[in-house]
Amino acid sequence: MTAAATSVSAIRRAVAPLAALSITLAAVVWAFPGGLTPWRSVGIVSGWAASGLLVASLLLMVRQAHLAKLLGGLELSYRWHHRCGLVAYLLLLGHPLALALDGWAEAPQLAWQTLDPGAQSWPLWLGWGGLLLLMLGLTTTFAVHLPYRRWRAFHFVLGAGALLGLTHIYVLLGNDPMFLALLTLAMAALAWRLLASDLGLSAHPYRVTQVDTAAADTIEASLAPCASALVVTPGQFVLAAFADGVHYRGCGEYHPFTVSASDHAGRLRITVKALGPCSRRIQALEPGVLVRLEGPFGNFLDALQTAPQLWVAGGIGITPFIARLRAERCQQPTTLIYLYRQRSDAAFVDELHELANEDRLFELLDEASGDDQPDLARVLERVSGLADRQVQMCGPPALLAAITPALRQRGVADQAIHCESFDFR
């Protein structure tokens, strides 16, 4: 990647944390206390900082293609969404504790009354209620084995907790200008996420025209636009929610699927591997089913340079690479390492061999490892001029974590290694 492209990428990755920091600092500077005792000042600052971070967290969960691109990508936005929410929760824990320590200096009984909801009025109950809802929501958020629908329901608990906390501030302070600005941002973010994204009011309607088997437990669905079409580049993904068909019952949830092909008429193909309850149900998809699409998201493979390329795909991680190869021939020497368990699991493997025979710049190294870990050292030894290549990788996080140090040991610079895991709910 060139220095200019690296600089642009670094700037994009900094936008989300800088936006969160700006909102938080604006809230703290506006409400920074003067003439108060130290612990009371700490309590007020922690409360306002938490409020700013909660609003930033809500903004970072907005699922809109242009905003996601501005913030460095949907995955990065979600990552900072979780970080802001967690730090806000910790600051909110410190808010009543600092106020209690302030009361302790006067009398221990006053400190206890500060922490006892039963001794307080209803505006303060709102704050305690918001804190408890945030505690419940965060506990379930980190439960990675929780079923998606239950996880998603508990995620709404977090939004309710944030609203209760903001209402707590409104009742105490009234029409404070900074708070009204934070409240407006929070309500706009929640409304967009609920109406435009979760209810699909901003989604693009498509129709399933064909369903093909790409591999065992993997289908490739061809989609045609019913109205305006999405403009998708190879390597991007969409969020899709399938409706019911004549013999097919959709799960109605938005899930990310990589686009495996697109054309100038807006027709798309997406590849779905059976990894969870919804994606398993999609294996029975039939033509004629209506599907709503949001996106496109991601910039994987957008900035390929003239340097020789090494692409590494694990399992369903082959999807962005087949999309690129279908769109155009390789413009530079490109080696694709395709790792899978069994040949029956390898989507598009026959097509990839045909492309390798037709394109002299494209080399395919595919290997089935069974249930064992692939021999990465042996596979990498087959790649000529490895240290001079730009590396693009997509696959399970465990594979990416294993192959990255192996690449570094063979002289590949960190800035030449680019990963895409699509590992988010």
Protein backbone atom coordinates (compact mmCIF):
# COMPACT_ATOMS: atom_id res chain seq x y z
CA MET A 1 0.00 0.00 0.00
CA THR A 2 1.34 3.46 -0.86
CA ALA A 3 2.13 6.04 1.79
CA ALA A 4 -0.86 8.13 0.69
CA ALA A 5 -3.23 5.17 0.92
CA THR A 6 -1.81 4.23 4.32
CA SER A 7 -2.32 7.80 5.54
CA VAL A 8 -5.94 7.86 4.32
CA SER A 9 -6.60 4.51 6.01
CA ALA A 10 -5.10 5.76 9.29
CA ILE A 11 -7.25 8.90 9.17
CA ARG A 12 -10.41 6.89 8.56
CA ARG A 13 -9.62 4.59 11.47
CA ALA A 14 -9.18 7.61 13.74
CA VAL A 15 -12.52 9.25 12.90
CA ALA A 16 -14.69 7.05 15.18
CA PRO A 17 -12.56 7.43 18.36
CA LEU A 18 -12.04 11.14 17.69
CA ALA A 19 -15.79 11.66 17.27
CA ALA A 20 -16.46 9.85 20.56
CA LEU A 21 -13.73 11.83 22.32
CA SER A 22 -15.03 15.14 20.94
CA ILE A 23 -18.59 14.52 22.16
CA THR A 24 -17.33 13.44 25.58
CA LEU A 25 -14.95 16.39 26.01
CA ALA A 26 -17.61 18.86 24.89
CA ALA A 27 -19.96 17.54 27.59
CA VAL A 28 -17.26 17.65 30.29
CA VAL A 29 -15.97 21.13 29.38
CA TRP A 30 -19.50 22.54 29.29
CA ALA A 31 -20.42 21.19 32.71
CA PHE A 32 -17.02 21.34 34.40
CA PRO A 33 -17.74 22.27 38.01
CA GLY A 34 -16.21 25.18 39.82
CA GLY A 35 -15.99 25.89 43.52
CA LEU A 36 -17.04 22.38 44.58
CA THR A 37 -15.32 19.83 46.78
CA PRO A 38 -12.94 17.45 44.96
CA TRP A 39 -15.07 14.32 45.23
CA ARG A 40 -18.25 16.10 44.17
CA SER A 41 -16.37 17.48 41.17
CA VAL A 42 -15.23 13.96 40.30
CA GLY A 43 -18.82 12.72 40.55
CA ILE A 44 -20.15 15.43 38.24
CA VAL A 45 -17.36 15.04 35.69
CA SER A 46 -17.74 11.24 35.61
CA GLY A 47 -21.51 11.59 35.09
CA TRP A 48 -21.15 14.01 32.18
CA ALA A 49 -18.29 12.04 30.62
CA ALA A 50 -20.41 8.89 30.81
CA SER A 51 -23.33 10.73 29.20
CA GLY A 52 -21.12 11.85 26.31
CA LEU A 53 -19.78 8.34 25.82
CA LEU A 54 -23.27 6.84 25.89
CA VAL A 55 -24.40 9.24 23.16
CA ALA A 56 -21.26 8.47 21.15
CA SER A 57 -21.96 4.75 21.56
CA LEU A 58 -25.48 5.22 20.22
CA LEU A 59 -24.20 7.18 17.22
CA LEU A 60 -21.61 4.50 16.44
CA MET A 61 -24.29 1.81 16.24
CA VAL A 62 -26.12 3.65 13.42
CA ARG A 63 -26.09 1.32 10.43
CA GLN A 64 -25.84 3.57 7.39
CA ALA A 65 -23.46 2.97 4.48
CA HIS A 66 -22.12 6.54 4.04
CA LEU A 67 -21.69 7.11 7.77
CA ALA A 68 -19.99 3.73 8.18
CA LYS A 69 -17.52 4.61 5.41
CA LEU A 70 -16.78 7.96 7.08
CA LEU A 71 -16.16 6.21 10.41
CA GLY A 72 -13.72 3.69 8.94
CA GLY A 73 -16.12 0.82 8.33
CA LEU A 74 -19.02 -0.87 10.08
CA GLU A 75 -16.84 -3.32 12.00
CA LEU A 76 -14.66 -0.52 13.36
CA SER A 77 -17.73 1.53 14.29
CA TYR A 78 -19.19 -1.42 16.18
CA ARG A 79 -15.90 -2.00 17.96
CA TRP A 80 -15.82 1.58 19.23
CA HIS A 81 -19.55 1.38 20.01
CA HIS A 82 -18.80 -1.44 22.46
CA ARG A 83 -15.76 0.32 23.91
CA CYS A 84 -17.63 3.58 24.51
CA GLY A 85 -20.52 1.75 26.14
CA LEU A 86 -18.23 -0.19 28.46
CA VAL A 87 -16.21 2.88 29.55
CA ALA A 88 -19.45 4.84 30.04
CA TYR A 89 -20.77 2.10 32.31
CA LEU A 90 -17.58 2.14 34.41
CA LEU A 91 -17.77 5.94 34.73
CA LEU A 92 -21.42 5.68 35.76
CA LEU A 93 -20.40 3.27 38.52
CA GLY A 94 -17.95 5.90 39.74
CA HIS A 95 -20.56 8.68 39.63
CA PRO A 96 -22.58 7.71 42.76
CA LEU A 97 -19.49 6.39 44.53
CA ALA A 98 -17.73 9.76 44.19
CA LEU A 99 -20.83 11.56 45.47
CA ALA A 100 -20.97 9.15 48.42
CA LEU A 101 -17.31 9.82 49.24
CA ASP A 102 -18.12 13.52 49.20
CA GLY A 103 -20.86 12.90 51.77
CA TRP A 104 -18.55 10.70 53.84
CA ALA A 105 -16.42 13.73 54.68
CA GLU A 106 -19.46 15.23 56.38
CA ALA A 107 -21.03 12.10 57.91
CA PRO A 108 -20.99 8.35 57.11
CA GLN A 109 -24.78 8.34 57.38
CA LEU A 110 -24.97 10.88 54.53
CA ALA A 111 -22.71 8.69 52.39
CA TRP A 112 -25.01 5.71 52.86
CA GLN A 113 -28.09 7.78 52.01
CA THR A 114 -26.38 8.77 48.77
CA LEU A 115 -26.10 5.08 47.79
CA ASP A 116 -29.50 3.99 49.14
CA PRO A 117 -32.19 4.32 46.42
CA GLY A 118 -34.89 3.94 49.09
CA ALA A 119 -33.75 7.16 50.72
CA GLN A 120 -33.89 9.16 47.47
CA SER A 121 -36.50 10.77 45.27
CA TRP A 122 -37.83 9.45 41.95
CA PRO A 123 -35.45 11.52 39.73
CA LEU A 124 -32.56 9.64 41.31
CA TRP A 125 -34.39 6.33 40.88
CA LEU A 126 -34.21 6.99 37.13
CA GLY A 127 -30.43 7.10 37.37
CA TRP A 128 -30.27 3.87 39.37
CA GLY A 129 -32.70 2.21 36.95
CA GLY A 130 -30.56 3.25 33.98
CA LEU A 131 -27.45 1.88 35.67
CA LEU A 132 -29.10 -1.48 36.40
CA LEU A 133 -30.34 -1.81 32.81
CA LEU A 134 -26.86 -1.03 31.50
CA MET A 135 -25.44 -3.67 33.84
CA LEU A 136 -27.91 -6.27 32.55
CA GLY A 137 -27.38 -5.34 28.91
CA LEU A 138 -23.59 -5.39 29.13
CA THR A 139 -23.59 -8.76 30.89
CA THR A 140 -25.50 -10.35 28.01
CA THR A 141 -23.55 -8.48 25.35
CA PHE A 142 -20.39 -10.38 26.24
CA ALA A 143 -22.19 -13.74 26.25
CA VAL A 144 -20.91 -14.92 22.88
CA HIS A 145 -22.93 -18.17 22.93
CA LEU A 146 -26.25 -16.44 23.56
CA PRO A 147 -28.76 -17.01 20.71
CA TYR A 148 -28.85 -14.05 18.36
CA ARG A 149 -32.46 -13.07 18.95
CA ARG A 150 -32.03 -13.10 22.73
CA TRP A 151 -28.71 -11.22 22.43
CA ARG A 152 -30.42 -8.62 20.22
CA ALA A 153 -33.34 -8.23 22.67
CA PHE A 154 -30.96 -7.64 25.55
CA HIS A 155 -29.13 -5.10 23.40
CA PHE A 156 -32.32 -3.00 23.39
CA VAL A 157 -32.07 -3.06 27.18
CA LEU A 158 -28.85 -1.07 26.80
CA GLY A 159 -30.69 1.57 24.78
CA ALA A 160 -33.41 1.76 27.43
CA GLY A 161 -30.74 2.15 30.12
CA ALA A 162 -29.13 5.02 28.21
CA LEU A 163 -32.49 6.76 27.84
CA LEU A 164 -33.27 6.37 31.54
CA GLY A 165 -29.89 7.87 32.41
CA LEU A 166 -30.44 10.82 30.08
CA THR A 167 -33.95 11.32 31.49
CA HIS A 168 -32.39 11.35 34.97
CA ILE A 169 -30.19 14.28 33.87
CA TYR A 170 -33.10 16.11 32.24
CA VAL A 171 -35.26 15.93 35.37
CA LEU A 172 -32.40 17.25 37.51
CA LEU A 173 -31.13 19.99 35.17
CA GLY A 174 -34.07 20.90 32.95
CA ASN A 175 -33.43 22.52 29.56
CA ASP A 176 -29.65 22.62 29.79
CA PRO A 177 -28.32 23.43 26.24
CA MET A 178 -25.55 20.82 26.27
CA PHE A 179 -27.86 18.14 27.58
CA LEU A 180 -30.51 18.96 24.97
CA ALA A 181 -27.85 18.58 22.27
CA LEU A 182 -26.83 15.18 23.67
CA LEU A 183 -30.46 14.11 23.97
CA THR A 184 -31.19 15.14 20.37
CA LEU A 185 -28.21 13.13 19.09
CA ALA A 186 -29.22 10.11 21.18
CA MET A 187 -32.86 10.17 20.06
CA ALA A 188 -31.87 10.63 16.40
CA ALA A 189 -29.45 7.67 16.58
CA LEU A 190 -32.00 5.40 18.27
CA ALA A 191 -34.76 6.43 15.84
CA TRP A 192 -32.57 5.77 12.80
CA ARG A 193 -31.42 2.39 14.10
CA LEU A 194 -34.94 1.26 15.01
CA LEU A 195 -36.91 2.63 12.05
CA ALA A 196 -34.45 2.82 9.17
CA SER A 197 -32.28 -0.20 9.99
CA ASP A 198 -34.09 -2.71 12.21
CA LEU A 199 -37.50 -2.15 10.59
CA GLY A 200 -35.89 -1.81 7.16
CA LEU A 201 -37.38 1.53 6.08
CA SER A 202 -34.09 2.49 4.38
CA ALA A 203 -33.42 -0.97 2.92
CA HIS A 204 -33.32 -1.73 -0.81
CA PRO A 205 -35.82 -4.39 -1.95
CA TYR A 206 -34.42 -7.23 -4.06
CA ARG A 207 -35.90 -10.48 -5.37
CA VAL A 208 -34.22 -13.89 -5.34
CA THR A 209 -33.96 -15.08 -8.95
CA GLN A 210 -31.83 -18.20 -8.59
CA VAL A 211 -30.32 -20.37 -5.86
CA ASP A 212 -27.27 -22.57 -6.53
CA THR A 213 -25.33 -24.93 -4.31
CA ALA A 214 -21.77 -23.59 -3.93
CA ALA A 215 -20.53 -26.30 -1.56
CA ALA A 216 -21.76 -28.48 1.27
CA ASP A 217 -24.05 -26.37 3.50
CA THR A 218 -23.36 -23.32 1.31
CA ILE A 219 -25.62 -21.68 -1.26
CA GLU A 220 -25.14 -18.78 -3.65
CA ALA A 221 -28.27 -16.69 -4.17
CA SER A 222 -28.74 -14.43 -7.21
CA LEU A 223 -30.65 -11.24 -6.44
CA ALA A 224 -32.25 -8.67 -8.75
CA PRO A 225 -33.25 -5.15 -7.63
CA CYS A 226 -36.95 -4.30 -7.38
CA ALA A 227 -36.23 -0.55 -7.31
CA SER A 228 -32.99 1.40 -7.00
CA ALA A 229 -29.93 -0.84 -6.95
CA LEU A 230 -26.92 -0.85 -4.67
CA VAL A 231 -23.51 -0.01 -6.14
CA VAL A 232 -21.20 -2.71 -4.83
CA THR A 233 -17.47 -3.22 -5.35
CA PRO A 234 -15.69 -6.59 -4.95
CA GLY A 235 -14.87 -7.29 -1.31
CA GLN A 236 -17.91 -5.51 0.14
CA PHE A 237 -20.75 -7.09 2.09
CA VAL A 238 -24.42 -6.33 2.61
CA LEU A 239 -26.85 -6.91 5.44
CA ALA A 240 -29.72 -9.04 4.19
CA ALA A 241 -33.11 -9.97 5.66
CA PHE A 242 -35.10 -12.62 3.78
CA ALA A 243 -38.90 -12.61 3.79
CA ASP A 244 -41.21 -15.61 3.43
CA GLY A 245 -41.72 -17.47 0.17
CA VAL A 246 -44.18 -20.08 -1.06
CA HIS A 247 -42.34 -22.91 0.66
CA TYR A 248 -39.69 -20.91 2.51
CA ARG A 249 -40.01 -19.19 5.87
CA GLY A 250 -37.52 -16.37 6.38
CA CYS A 251 -36.07 -15.49 9.75
CA GLY A 252 -36.57 -11.75 9.14
CA GLU A 253 -33.24 -10.80 10.71
CA TYR A 254 -30.46 -8.78 9.11
CA HIS A 255 -27.21 -10.71 8.81
CA PRO A 256 -23.97 -9.84 6.97
CA PHE A 257 -23.20 -11.70 3.74
CA THR A 258 -20.34 -11.00 1.37
CA VAL A 259 -21.23 -10.20 -2.22
CA SER A 260 -19.72 -12.87 -4.48
CA ALA A 261 -20.62 -11.15 -7.78
CA SER A 262 -22.28 -7.98 -9.09
CA ASP A 263 -22.99 -6.38 -12.46
CA HIS A 264 -23.77 -2.95 -13.89
CA ALA A 265 -27.52 -3.61 -13.75
CA GLY A 266 -27.35 -3.89 -9.97
CA ARG A 267 -27.82 -7.68 -9.87
CA LEU A 268 -25.93 -9.33 -7.03
CA ARG A 269 -24.93 -12.76 -5.84
CA ILE A 270 -24.37 -13.44 -2.15
CA THR A 271 -22.93 -16.58 -0.59
CA VAL A 272 -24.43 -18.01 2.59
CA LYS A 273 -22.80 -20.78 4.64
CA ALA A 274 -24.82 -22.58 7.30
CA LEU A 275 -23.18 -21.31 10.49
CA GLY A 276 -26.17 -20.49 12.70
CA PRO A 277 -29.95 -20.99 12.93
CA CYS A 278 -30.81 -18.26 10.41
CA SER A 279 -28.11 -19.12 7.87
CA ARG A 280 -29.13 -22.79 8.10
CA ARG A 281 -32.69 -21.84 7.30
CA ILE A 282 -31.47 -19.82 4.30
CA GLN A 283 -30.08 -23.03 2.79
CA ALA A 284 -33.71 -23.83 1.81
CA LEU A 285 -34.12 -20.46 0.05
CA GLU A 286 -36.18 -20.47 -3.15
CA PRO A 287 -36.54 -18.10 -6.14
CA GLY A 288 -39.16 -15.39 -5.78
CA VAL A 289 -38.42 -14.58 -2.14
CA LEU A 290 -38.19 -10.87 -1.33
CA VAL A 291 -34.99 -9.77 0.42
CA ARG A 292 -34.16 -6.38 1.89
CA LEU A 293 -30.56 -5.23 1.63
CA GLU A 294 -28.65 -2.58 3.56
CA GLY A 295 -25.21 -1.34 2.58
CA PRO A 296 -22.87 -1.92 0.95
CA PHE A 297 -20.26 -1.93 3.71
CA GLY A 298 -16.52 -2.48 3.87
CA ASN A 299 -13.49 -1.51 1.79
CA PHE A 300 -11.66 -4.84 1.61
CA LEU A 301 -9.74 -5.16 -1.70
CA ASP A 302 -10.47 -1.51 -2.59
CA ALA A 303 -6.84 -0.38 -2.58
CA LEU A 304 -4.91 -3.14 -4.36
CA GLN A 305 -1.54 -1.83 -5.50
CA THR A 306 0.73 -2.75 -8.38
CA ALA A 307 2.92 -4.88 -6.07
CA PRO A 308 2.53 -8.67 -6.34
CA GLN A 309 -0.40 -9.92 -4.27
CA LEU A 310 -0.87 -12.81 -1.87
CA TRP A 311 -4.47 -13.60 -1.04
CA VAL A 312 -5.25 -16.01 1.81
CA ALA A 313 -8.77 -17.41 2.16
CA GLY A 314 -10.06 -19.76 4.83
CA GLY A 315 -13.38 -21.51 4.20
CA ILE A 316 -16.15 -19.06 3.33
CA GLY A 317 -13.49 -16.32 3.36
CA ILE A 318 -13.05 -17.12 -0.33
CA THR A 319 -16.12 -15.00 -1.17
CA PRO A 320 -14.54 -11.53 -1.58
CA PHE A 321 -11.75 -13.00 -3.70
CA ILE A 322 -14.08 -14.80 -6.11
CA ALA A 323 -16.00 -11.54 -6.46
CA ARG A 324 -12.80 -9.74 -7.45
CA LEU A 325 -11.73 -12.45 -9.88
CA ARG A 326 -15.16 -12.50 -11.50
CA ALA A 327 -15.10 -8.72 -11.92
CA GLU A 328 -11.76 -8.52 -13.78
CA ARG A 329 -8.53 -10.30 -14.53
CA CYS A 330 -5.59 -9.82 -12.19
CA GLN A 331 -3.62 -6.65 -12.89
CA GLN A 332 -0.53 -7.86 -11.03
CA PRO A 333 0.94 -11.27 -10.15
CA THR A 334 -1.50 -12.77 -7.63
CA THR A 335 -1.27 -15.99 -5.64
CA LEU A 336 -4.36 -17.22 -3.81
CA ILE A 337 -3.95 -19.67 -0.91
CA TYR A 338 -7.32 -21.34 -0.37
CA LEU A 339 -7.57 -23.48 2.77
CA TYR A 340 -10.56 -25.67 3.57
CA ARG A 341 -11.40 -28.83 5.49
CA GLN A 342 -12.71 -31.08 2.69
CA ARG A 343 -13.07 -30.51 -1.02
CA SER A 344 -16.82 -30.83 -0.64
CA ASP A 345 -16.65 -27.77 1.67
CA ALA A 346 -14.69 -25.69 -0.85
CA ALA A 347 -16.99 -23.19 -2.53
CA PHE A 348 -16.04 -22.19 -6.10
CA VAL A 349 -12.93 -24.38 -6.16
CA ASP A 350 -13.58 -25.68 -9.69
CA GLU A 351 -14.24 -22.17 -10.98
CA LEU A 352 -11.03 -20.97 -9.33
CA HIS A 353 -9.01 -23.66 -11.11
CA GLU A 354 -10.55 -22.57 -14.42
CA LEU A 355 -9.66 -18.94 -13.73
CA ALA A 356 -6.10 -19.95 -12.86
CA ASN A 357 -5.80 -21.76 -16.20
CA GLU A 358 -7.10 -18.74 -18.11
CA ASP A 359 -5.17 -15.95 -16.33
CA ARG A 360 -1.39 -16.17 -16.46
CA LEU A 361 -1.07 -13.65 -13.58
CA PHE A 362 -3.24 -15.73 -11.26
CA GLU A 363 -1.94 -18.73 -9.29
CA LEU A 364 -4.11 -20.94 -7.08
CA LEU A 365 -2.73 -22.94 -4.16
CA ASP A 366 -5.63 -24.82 -2.59
CA GLU A 367 -5.35 -27.41 0.16
CA ALA A 368 -7.68 -29.52 2.27
CA SER A 369 -6.49 -29.91 5.87
CA GLY A 370 -9.31 -32.09 7.23
CA ASP A 371 -9.85 -31.59 10.94
CA ASP A 372 -6.18 -30.73 11.52
CA GLN A 373 -4.60 -27.29 11.44
CA PRO A 374 -3.14 -26.53 7.99
CA ASP A 375 0.63 -26.69 7.65
CA LEU A 376 1.08 -22.95 7.12
CA ALA A 377 4.88 -23.09 6.94
CA ARG A 378 4.80 -25.59 4.08
CA VAL A 379 2.11 -23.67 2.20
CA LEU A 380 3.94 -20.35 2.50
CA GLU A 381 7.15 -21.92 1.22
CA ARG A 382 5.39 -22.42 -2.12
CA VAL A 383 4.85 -18.66 -2.56
CA SER A 384 7.64 -17.02 -4.54
CA GLY A 385 8.90 -13.56 -3.50
CA LEU A 386 6.76 -13.64 -0.38
CA ALA A 387 8.49 -10.72 1.39
CA ASP A 388 7.70 -8.39 -1.53
CA ARG A 389 3.97 -9.13 -1.67
CA GLN A 390 0.95 -7.27 -0.38
CA VAL A 391 -1.12 -9.71 1.67
CA GLN A 392 -4.93 -9.73 1.83
CA MET A 393 -6.50 -12.29 4.18
CA CYS A 394 -10.08 -13.28 4.91
CA GLY A 395 -11.22 -16.18 7.05
CA PRO A 396 -11.81 -17.40 10.59
CA PRO A 397 -10.09 -15.31 13.29
CA ALA A 398 -8.07 -18.34 14.45
CA LEU A 399 -6.57 -18.80 10.99
CA LEU A 400 -5.72 -15.11 10.64
CA ALA A 401 -4.12 -15.11 14.09
CA ALA A 402 -1.99 -18.13 13.19
CA ILE A 403 -0.81 -17.01 9.76
CA THR A 404 0.03 -13.40 10.63
CA PRO A 405 3.14 -14.21 12.74
CA ALA A 406 4.20 -16.77 10.11
CA LEU A 407 4.16 -14.02 7.50
CA ARG A 408 6.15 -11.68 9.73
CA GLN A 409 8.78 -14.35 10.30
CA ARG A 410 9.23 -14.56 6.53
CA GLY A 411 9.88 -10.85 6.10
CA VAL A 412 6.41 -9.51 5.29
CA ALA A 413 6.02 -6.02 6.79
CA ASP A 414 3.10 -5.30 9.11
CA GLN A 415 1.81 -2.54 6.83
CA ALA A 416 1.63 -5.05 3.97
CA ILE A 417 -0.75 -7.37 5.85
CA HIS A 418 -4.49 -6.64 5.63
CA CYS A 419 -7.19 -8.76 7.27
CA GLU A 420 -10.94 -9.09 6.96
CA SER A 421 -12.72 -11.41 9.36
CA PHE A 422 -16.38 -10.23 9.16
CA ASP A 423 -16.53 -11.37 12.78
CA PHE A 424 -19.40 -9.37 14.26
CA ARG A 425 -23.08 -9.86 14.97
